[in-house]
Amino acid sequence: MPNIKELDVNGARRRIDADPDRMLLSVLRDDLDLTGTKYGCGEGQCAACTVLLDGQPVKSCITRVGAAAGKRILTIEGLAPAGQLHPVQDAFLNADAMQCGWCTPGMILGAVALLKATPNPTEAQIVSGMNGHICRCGTYPRIVRAIQAAAGKGGSA
């Protein structure tokens, strides 16, 4: 199988030379220097490595880069391309929804996908939609508040 030569990352074509069986997380971090996406468990269980692939959340630590070829990849760096925070990022800051910050990029991208699918979610829908995103610091109530606040500010955009 030939190496992957190009990816669409954060709205830009990025040249790479990667074995299609490599994990997307390692290509993003090691080859493209996009270190906002975090390595958590390496098994797809914590969702710290979540990115959006054609708008859908995927765990990049278990997603092969070959599966991302030809699709739009959005990382945390791509949410604020002009320096203006995305409404979900702004809501996380205002709600103090992070402590150590390790899970935050994956949480934010998961929330963006949730709000795109359900623009005005109930608390139960937020809890269900964010299931699998693990915050070791336990800021879950603030995360829910942040997502509720972002829903009112166009957080799915």
N, C-alpha and C. Protein backbone atom coordinates (compact mmCIF):
# COMPACT_ATOMS: atom_id res chain seq x y z
N MET A 1 0.86 -1.18 0.00
CA MET A 1 0.00 0.00 0.00
C MET A 1 0.90 1.25 0.00
N PRO A 2 0.63 2.20 -0.90
CA PRO A 2 1.48 3.40 -0.98
C PRO A 2 1.27 4.32 0.23
N ASN A 3 2.32 5.08 0.51
CA ASN A 3 2.24 6.03 1.61
C ASN A 3 1.25 7.15 1.30
N ILE A 4 0.69 7.71 2.37
CA ILE A 4 -0.19 8.87 2.26
C ILE A 4 0.69 10.09 1.99
N LYS A 5 0.33 10.89 1.01
CA LYS A 5 1.16 12.02 0.61
C LYS A 5 0.58 13.37 1.00
N GLU A 6 -0.72 13.40 1.31
CA GLU A 6 -1.36 14.68 1.59
C GLU A 6 -2.58 14.47 2.47
N LEU A 7 -2.79 15.41 3.39
CA LEU A 7 -3.99 15.40 4.24
C LEU A 7 -4.61 16.79 4.22
N ASP A 8 -5.93 16.84 4.40
CA ASP A 8 -6.65 18.10 4.56
C ASP A 8 -6.81 18.32 6.06
N VAL A 9 -5.97 19.20 6.61
CA VAL A 9 -5.97 19.43 8.05
C VAL A 9 -6.26 20.90 8.32
N ASN A 10 -7.32 21.14 9.08
CA ASN A 10 -7.70 22.49 9.48
C ASN A 10 -7.88 23.42 8.28
N GLY A 11 -8.42 22.85 7.21
CA GLY A 11 -8.72 23.64 6.03
C GLY A 11 -7.56 23.86 5.08
N ALA A 12 -6.42 23.24 5.34
CA ALA A 12 -5.25 23.40 4.48
C ALA A 12 -4.73 22.04 4.05
N ARG A 13 -4.23 21.98 2.83
CA ARG A 13 -3.58 20.76 2.36
C ARG A 13 -2.20 20.70 2.98
N ARG A 14 -1.92 19.57 3.64
CA ARG A 14 -0.62 19.38 4.29
C ARG A 14 0.08 18.19 3.66
N ARG A 15 1.33 18.39 3.24
CA ARG A 15 2.11 17.32 2.64
C ARG A 15 2.74 16.47 3.73
N ILE A 16 2.62 15.17 3.55
CA ILE A 16 3.23 14.22 4.48
C ILE A 16 3.74 13.03 3.68
N ASP A 17 4.48 12.18 4.33
CA ASP A 17 4.89 10.90 3.75
C ASP A 17 4.73 9.89 4.87
N ALA A 18 3.55 9.31 4.95
CA ALA A 18 3.22 8.45 6.09
C ALA A 18 2.63 7.12 5.65
N ASP A 19 3.06 6.08 6.31
CA ASP A 19 2.47 4.75 6.12
C ASP A 19 1.00 4.85 6.49
N PRO A 20 0.09 4.36 5.67
CA PRO A 20 -1.34 4.47 5.96
C PRO A 20 -1.77 3.73 7.23
N ASP A 21 -0.94 2.84 7.73
CA ASP A 21 -1.26 2.12 8.96
C ASP A 21 -0.84 2.86 10.23
N ARG A 22 -0.12 3.97 10.10
CA ARG A 22 0.23 4.76 11.29
C ARG A 22 -1.03 5.38 11.88
N MET A 23 -0.99 5.63 13.16
CA MET A 23 -2.12 6.26 13.81
C MET A 23 -2.15 7.75 13.49
N LEU A 24 -3.35 8.26 13.27
CA LEU A 24 -3.53 9.67 12.94
C LEU A 24 -2.91 10.56 14.01
N LEU A 25 -3.06 10.20 15.26
CA LEU A 25 -2.49 11.00 16.35
C LEU A 25 -1.00 11.22 16.16
N SER A 26 -0.26 10.17 15.85
CA SER A 26 1.19 10.33 15.72
C SER A 26 1.54 11.18 14.51
N VAL A 27 0.79 11.08 13.42
CA VAL A 27 1.06 11.92 12.26
C VAL A 27 0.78 13.39 12.59
N LEU A 28 -0.34 13.65 13.26
CA LEU A 28 -0.67 15.04 13.62
C LEU A 28 0.41 15.63 14.53
N ARG A 29 0.79 14.91 15.55
CA ARG A 29 1.74 15.44 16.54
C ARG A 29 3.18 15.43 16.03
N ASP A 30 3.60 14.30 15.48
CA ASP A 30 5.02 14.13 15.14
C ASP A 30 5.40 14.68 13.77
N ASP A 31 4.53 14.51 12.79
CA ASP A 31 4.86 14.94 11.43
C ASP A 31 4.39 16.37 11.15
N LEU A 32 3.23 16.75 11.69
CA LEU A 32 2.66 18.06 11.39
C LEU A 32 2.80 19.06 12.54
N ASP A 33 3.37 18.63 13.65
CA ASP A 33 3.62 19.49 14.82
C ASP A 33 2.35 20.14 15.36
N LEU A 34 1.24 19.42 15.27
CA LEU A 34 -0.03 19.87 15.84
C LEU A 34 -0.20 19.16 17.17
N THR A 35 0.36 19.74 18.20
CA THR A 35 0.44 19.07 19.50
C THR A 35 -0.74 19.36 20.41
N GLY A 36 -1.75 20.06 19.92
CA GLY A 36 -2.94 20.30 20.72
C GLY A 36 -3.71 19.01 20.97
N THR A 37 -3.67 18.10 20.02
CA THR A 37 -4.32 16.80 20.18
C THR A 37 -3.46 15.98 21.13
N LYS A 38 -4.06 15.51 22.20
CA LYS A 38 -3.29 14.87 23.27
C LYS A 38 -3.35 13.35 23.21
N TYR A 39 -2.24 12.74 23.60
CA TYR A 39 -2.18 11.30 23.81
C TYR A 39 -2.62 11.05 25.24
N GLY A 40 -3.66 10.26 25.39
CA GLY A 40 -4.14 9.92 26.74
C GLY A 40 -3.83 8.47 27.05
N CYS A 41 -4.76 7.61 26.71
CA CYS A 41 -4.62 6.19 27.04
C CYS A 41 -4.00 5.37 25.92
N GLY A 42 -4.10 5.84 24.70
CA GLY A 42 -3.58 5.09 23.56
C GLY A 42 -4.45 3.92 23.14
N GLU A 43 -5.63 3.81 23.74
CA GLU A 43 -6.53 2.68 23.47
C GLU A 43 -7.93 3.12 23.07
N GLY A 44 -8.13 4.41 22.87
CA GLY A 44 -9.44 4.91 22.47
C GLY A 44 -10.47 4.92 23.59
N GLN A 45 -10.01 4.89 24.82
CA GLN A 45 -10.93 4.82 25.95
C GLN A 45 -11.18 6.16 26.65
N CYS A 46 -10.27 7.13 26.49
CA CYS A 46 -10.40 8.38 27.26
C CYS A 46 -10.86 9.57 26.43
N ALA A 47 -10.69 9.51 25.12
CA ALA A 47 -11.12 10.55 24.17
C ALA A 47 -10.30 11.84 24.24
N ALA A 48 -9.17 11.84 24.92
CA ALA A 48 -8.31 13.02 24.94
C ALA A 48 -7.80 13.36 23.55
N CYS A 49 -7.70 12.36 22.69
CA CYS A 49 -7.14 12.52 21.35
C CYS A 49 -8.20 12.81 20.29
N THR A 50 -9.40 13.16 20.68
CA THR A 50 -10.50 13.36 19.73
C THR A 50 -10.19 14.49 18.75
N VAL A 51 -10.42 14.20 17.48
CA VAL A 51 -10.40 15.19 16.40
C VAL A 51 -11.69 14.97 15.60
N LEU A 52 -12.01 15.88 14.72
CA LEU A 52 -13.18 15.71 13.87
C LEU A 52 -12.73 15.29 12.48
N LEU A 53 -13.34 14.26 11.98
CA LEU A 53 -13.05 13.73 10.65
C LEU A 53 -14.35 13.87 9.85
N ASP A 54 -14.33 14.79 8.88
CA ASP A 54 -15.56 15.15 8.16
C ASP A 54 -16.68 15.50 9.14
N GLY A 55 -16.34 16.19 10.21
CA GLY A 55 -17.31 16.65 11.18
C GLY A 55 -17.68 15.67 12.27
N GLN A 56 -17.20 14.44 12.17
CA GLN A 56 -17.53 13.41 13.15
C GLN A 56 -16.36 13.20 14.11
N PRO A 57 -16.64 13.08 15.40
CA PRO A 57 -15.54 12.87 16.35
C PRO A 57 -14.95 11.47 16.19
N VAL A 58 -13.62 11.41 16.14
CA VAL A 58 -12.90 10.15 16.11
C VAL A 58 -11.76 10.21 17.11
N LYS A 59 -11.40 9.07 17.61
CA LYS A 59 -10.26 8.98 18.54
C LYS A 59 -9.03 8.72 17.69
N SER A 60 -8.19 9.73 17.59
CA SER A 60 -7.07 9.68 16.66
C SER A 60 -5.99 8.69 17.07
N CYS A 61 -6.01 8.22 18.31
CA CYS A 61 -5.00 7.24 18.74
C CYS A 61 -5.30 5.85 18.20
N ILE A 62 -6.53 5.62 17.73
CA ILE A 62 -6.88 4.31 17.18
C ILE A 62 -7.40 4.43 15.74
N THR A 63 -7.25 5.61 15.14
CA THR A 63 -7.67 5.83 13.76
C THR A 63 -6.43 5.86 12.89
N ARG A 64 -6.38 4.99 11.94
CA ARG A 64 -5.23 4.95 11.02
C ARG A 64 -5.29 6.14 10.07
N VAL A 65 -4.13 6.70 9.79
CA VAL A 65 -4.08 7.88 8.93
C VAL A 65 -4.64 7.56 7.55
N GLY A 66 -4.55 6.33 7.11
CA GLY A 66 -5.13 5.94 5.83
C GLY A 66 -6.63 6.15 5.80
N ALA A 67 -7.29 6.00 6.95
CA ALA A 67 -8.74 6.21 7.03
C ALA A 67 -9.10 7.69 6.96
N ALA A 68 -8.12 8.56 7.20
CA ALA A 68 -8.36 10.00 7.17
C ALA A 68 -8.04 10.61 5.82
N ALA A 69 -7.36 9.89 4.96
CA ALA A 69 -7.00 10.41 3.65
C ALA A 69 -8.25 10.77 2.87
N GLY A 70 -8.25 11.96 2.28
CA GLY A 70 -9.38 12.41 1.49
C GLY A 70 -10.52 12.99 2.31
N LYS A 71 -10.36 13.05 3.63
CA LYS A 71 -11.39 13.61 4.51
C LYS A 71 -10.86 14.88 5.16
N ARG A 72 -11.78 15.69 5.66
CA ARG A 72 -11.40 16.92 6.36
C ARG A 72 -11.11 16.59 7.82
N ILE A 73 -9.91 16.92 8.25
CA ILE A 73 -9.49 16.70 9.63
C ILE A 73 -9.50 18.05 10.32
N LEU A 74 -10.17 18.13 11.47
CA LEU A 74 -10.17 19.35 12.26
C LEU A 74 -9.59 19.04 13.62
N THR A 75 -8.53 19.76 13.97
CA THR A 75 -7.92 19.63 15.29
C THR A 75 -8.25 20.88 16.09
N ILE A 76 -7.88 20.88 17.35
CA ILE A 76 -8.15 22.04 18.22
C ILE A 76 -7.51 23.31 17.64
N GLU A 77 -6.38 23.17 16.97
CA GLU A 77 -5.72 24.35 16.39
C GLU A 77 -6.56 24.97 15.29
N GLY A 78 -7.41 24.19 14.64
CA GLY A 78 -8.22 24.68 13.54
C GLY A 78 -9.51 25.37 13.96
N LEU A 79 -9.83 25.35 15.25
CA LEU A 79 -11.08 26.00 15.70
C LEU A 79 -10.98 27.51 15.76
N ALA A 80 -9.79 28.04 15.88
CA ALA A 80 -9.61 29.49 15.99
C ALA A 80 -8.57 29.97 14.98
N PRO A 81 -8.82 29.74 13.69
CA PRO A 81 -7.78 30.04 12.69
C PRO A 81 -7.42 31.52 12.59
N ALA A 82 -8.35 32.40 12.87
CA ALA A 82 -8.08 33.84 12.77
C ALA A 82 -7.82 34.46 14.14
N GLY A 83 -7.59 33.61 15.15
CA GLY A 83 -7.32 34.12 16.48
C GLY A 83 -8.56 34.38 17.31
N GLN A 84 -9.73 34.26 16.71
CA GLN A 84 -11.00 34.44 17.41
C GLN A 84 -11.44 33.09 17.95
N LEU A 85 -11.61 32.98 19.26
CA LEU A 85 -12.00 31.71 19.86
C LEU A 85 -13.36 31.24 19.33
N HIS A 86 -13.46 29.95 19.14
CA HIS A 86 -14.73 29.32 18.80
C HIS A 86 -15.65 29.47 20.01
N PRO A 87 -16.97 29.55 19.83
CA PRO A 87 -17.87 29.70 20.97
C PRO A 87 -17.71 28.62 22.04
N VAL A 88 -17.37 27.39 21.66
CA VAL A 88 -17.16 26.34 22.66
C VAL A 88 -15.89 26.61 23.45
N GLN A 89 -14.83 27.04 22.78
CA GLN A 89 -13.60 27.38 23.49
C GLN A 89 -13.85 28.51 24.48
N ASP A 90 -14.56 29.53 24.01
CA ASP A 90 -14.87 30.68 24.87
C ASP A 90 -15.71 30.24 26.07
N ALA A 91 -16.68 29.38 25.84
CA ALA A 91 -17.54 28.90 26.93
C ALA A 91 -16.74 28.08 27.94
N PHE A 92 -15.81 27.25 27.47
CA PHE A 92 -14.97 26.48 28.39
C PHE A 92 -14.13 27.41 29.27
N LEU A 93 -13.60 28.47 28.68
CA LEU A 93 -12.83 29.44 29.47
C LEU A 93 -13.72 30.13 30.49
N ASN A 94 -14.88 30.61 30.06
CA ASN A 94 -15.77 31.35 30.96
C ASN A 94 -16.33 30.48 32.08
N ALA A 95 -16.53 29.19 31.82
CA ALA A 95 -17.07 28.29 32.84
C ALA A 95 -15.96 27.66 33.69
N ASP A 96 -14.72 28.01 33.39
CA ASP A 96 -13.57 27.41 34.09
C ASP A 96 -13.68 25.88 34.03
N ALA A 97 -13.96 25.38 32.82
CA ALA A 97 -14.27 23.97 32.62
C ALA A 97 -13.03 23.11 32.40
N MET A 98 -11.90 23.62 32.84
CA MET A 98 -10.68 22.82 32.71
C MET A 98 -9.83 23.02 33.95
N GLN A 99 -9.07 22.04 34.25
CA GLN A 99 -8.15 22.16 35.38
C GLN A 99 -6.75 21.90 34.86
N CYS A 100 -6.40 20.66 34.64
CA CYS A 100 -5.06 20.39 34.10
C CYS A 100 -5.01 20.66 32.60
N GLY A 101 -6.15 20.54 31.92
CA GLY A 101 -6.25 20.85 30.50
C GLY A 101 -5.93 19.72 29.55
N TRP A 102 -5.52 18.57 30.07
CA TRP A 102 -5.14 17.48 29.17
C TRP A 102 -6.31 17.00 28.31
N CYS A 103 -7.47 16.87 28.89
CA CYS A 103 -8.64 16.38 28.15
C CYS A 103 -9.31 17.47 27.34
N THR A 104 -9.00 18.71 27.60
CA THR A 104 -9.76 19.84 27.07
C THR A 104 -9.86 19.87 25.54
N PRO A 105 -8.78 19.69 24.78
CA PRO A 105 -8.95 19.72 23.32
C PRO A 105 -9.94 18.68 22.81
N GLY A 106 -9.84 17.47 23.33
CA GLY A 106 -10.78 16.42 22.92
C GLY A 106 -12.20 16.72 23.38
N MET A 107 -12.33 17.25 24.59
CA MET A 107 -13.66 17.62 25.10
C MET A 107 -14.28 18.70 24.22
N ILE A 108 -13.50 19.70 23.87
CA ILE A 108 -14.03 20.80 23.07
C ILE A 108 -14.47 20.31 21.69
N LEU A 109 -13.66 19.50 21.05
CA LEU A 109 -14.05 18.98 19.73
C LEU A 109 -15.24 18.05 19.83
N GLY A 110 -15.31 17.26 20.90
CA GLY A 110 -16.49 16.43 21.13
C GLY A 110 -17.74 17.28 21.31
N ALA A 111 -17.59 18.38 22.03
CA ALA A 111 -18.73 19.28 22.26
C ALA A 111 -19.16 19.96 20.96
N VAL A 112 -18.20 20.35 20.12
CA VAL A 112 -18.54 20.96 18.83
C VAL A 112 -19.38 19.98 18.00
N ALA A 113 -18.96 18.72 17.96
CA ALA A 113 -19.71 17.71 17.20
C ALA A 113 -21.09 17.48 17.81
N LEU A 114 -21.16 17.43 19.13
CA LEU A 114 -22.44 17.25 19.82
C LEU A 114 -23.40 18.39 19.47
N LEU A 115 -22.90 19.63 19.53
CA LEU A 115 -23.76 20.78 19.26
C LEU A 115 -24.16 20.88 17.79
N LYS A 116 -23.34 20.34 16.92
CA LYS A 116 -23.72 20.31 15.50
C LYS A 116 -24.88 19.34 15.31
N ALA A 117 -24.83 18.20 15.98
CA ALA A 117 -25.90 17.20 15.87
C ALA A 117 -27.15 17.59 16.66
N THR A 118 -26.93 18.24 17.81
CA THR A 118 -28.02 18.62 18.71
C THR A 118 -27.77 20.06 19.18
N PRO A 119 -28.21 21.06 18.41
CA PRO A 119 -27.87 22.45 18.70
C PRO A 119 -28.31 22.98 20.07
N ASN A 120 -29.37 22.42 20.63
CA ASN A 120 -29.86 22.89 21.93
C ASN A 120 -30.09 21.69 22.84
N PRO A 121 -29.01 21.02 23.26
CA PRO A 121 -29.18 19.78 24.02
C PRO A 121 -29.62 20.02 25.46
N THR A 122 -30.34 19.04 25.97
CA THR A 122 -30.67 19.03 27.40
C THR A 122 -29.42 18.59 28.16
N GLU A 123 -29.46 18.73 29.46
CA GLU A 123 -28.33 18.26 30.27
C GLU A 123 -28.11 16.77 30.07
N ALA A 124 -29.19 16.00 30.00
CA ALA A 124 -29.06 14.55 29.79
C ALA A 124 -28.44 14.25 28.43
N GLN A 125 -28.79 15.02 27.42
CA GLN A 125 -28.20 14.80 26.09
C GLN A 125 -26.71 15.16 26.09
N ILE A 126 -26.34 16.17 26.84
CA ILE A 126 -24.92 16.53 26.95
C ILE A 126 -24.16 15.41 27.63
N VAL A 127 -24.68 14.93 28.74
CA VAL A 127 -24.02 13.85 29.48
C VAL A 127 -23.88 12.63 28.59
N SER A 128 -24.94 12.28 27.89
CA SER A 128 -24.90 11.12 27.00
C SER A 128 -23.94 11.35 25.83
N GLY A 129 -24.01 12.53 25.23
CA GLY A 129 -23.18 12.84 24.07
C GLY A 129 -21.70 12.93 24.39
N MET A 130 -21.39 13.29 25.61
CA MET A 130 -19.98 13.41 26.02
C MET A 130 -19.49 12.16 26.73
N ASN A 131 -20.33 11.14 26.80
CA ASN A 131 -19.93 9.89 27.44
C ASN A 131 -18.67 9.35 26.76
N GLY A 132 -17.71 8.96 27.54
CA GLY A 132 -16.45 8.45 27.01
C GLY A 132 -15.33 9.46 27.08
N HIS A 133 -15.67 10.73 27.24
CA HIS A 133 -14.64 11.75 27.44
C HIS A 133 -14.31 11.77 28.93
N ILE A 134 -13.10 11.41 29.24
CA ILE A 134 -12.71 11.29 30.64
C ILE A 134 -11.89 12.51 31.06
N CYS A 135 -12.31 13.11 32.17
CA CYS A 135 -11.59 14.23 32.78
C CYS A 135 -11.07 13.73 34.13
N ARG A 136 -9.77 13.57 34.21
CA ARG A 136 -9.18 13.08 35.46
C ARG A 136 -9.37 14.06 36.62
N CYS A 137 -9.57 15.32 36.30
CA CYS A 137 -9.73 16.33 37.35
C CYS A 137 -11.17 16.43 37.84
N GLY A 138 -12.11 15.84 37.12
CA GLY A 138 -13.50 15.80 37.57
C GLY A 138 -14.27 17.09 37.40
N THR A 139 -13.99 17.84 36.35
CA THR A 139 -14.69 19.11 36.16
C THR A 139 -16.00 18.95 35.37
N TYR A 140 -16.59 17.79 35.44
CA TYR A 140 -17.78 17.49 34.63
C TYR A 140 -18.91 18.51 34.78
N PRO A 141 -19.28 18.96 35.99
CA PRO A 141 -20.37 19.95 36.07
C PRO A 141 -20.05 21.24 35.30
N ARG A 142 -18.80 21.67 35.35
CA ARG A 142 -18.42 22.88 34.62
C ARG A 142 -18.39 22.64 33.12
N ILE A 143 -18.02 21.43 32.71
CA ILE A 143 -18.04 21.08 31.29
C ILE A 143 -19.47 21.12 30.76
N VAL A 144 -20.40 20.56 31.52
CA VAL A 144 -21.82 20.60 31.11
C VAL A 144 -22.28 22.05 31.01
N ARG A 145 -21.95 22.88 32.00
CA ARG A 145 -22.34 24.30 31.95
C ARG A 145 -21.75 24.99 30.74
N ALA A 146 -20.50 24.68 30.43
CA ALA A 146 -19.85 25.31 29.27
C ALA A 146 -20.57 24.93 27.98
N ILE A 147 -20.92 23.69 27.85
CA ILE A 147 -21.61 23.24 26.63
C ILE A 147 -22.99 23.88 26.55
N GLN A 148 -23.68 23.99 27.67
CA GLN A 148 -24.99 24.66 27.68
C GLN A 148 -24.83 26.12 27.25
N ALA A 149 -23.79 26.78 27.74
CA ALA A 149 -23.57 28.19 27.38
C ALA A 149 -23.21 28.30 25.90
N ALA A 150 -22.39 27.40 25.40
CA ALA A 150 -21.98 27.45 23.99
C ALA A 150 -23.18 27.20 23.08
N ALA A 151 -24.12 26.39 23.52
CA ALA A 151 -25.30 26.10 22.70
C ALA A 151 -26.07 27.39 22.40
N GLY A 152 -26.07 28.30 23.33
CA GLY A 152 -26.77 29.56 23.14
C GLY A 152 -26.00 30.58 22.31
N LYS A 153 -24.74 30.25 21.98
CA LYS A 153 -23.89 31.18 21.24
C LYS A 153 -23.42 30.63 19.90
N GLY A 154 -24.15 29.68 19.37
CA GLY A 154 -23.77 29.12 18.07
C GLY A 154 -22.57 28.19 18.14
N GLY A 155 -22.50 27.38 19.17
CA GLY A 155 -21.35 26.50 19.39
C GLY A 155 -21.17 25.41 18.36
N SER A 156 -22.12 25.24 17.46
CA SER A 156 -21.98 24.21 16.44
C SER A 156 -21.35 24.75 15.17
N ALA A 157 -21.15 26.06 15.13
CA ALA A 157 -20.62 26.70 13.91
C ALA A 157 -19.17 26.35 13.66
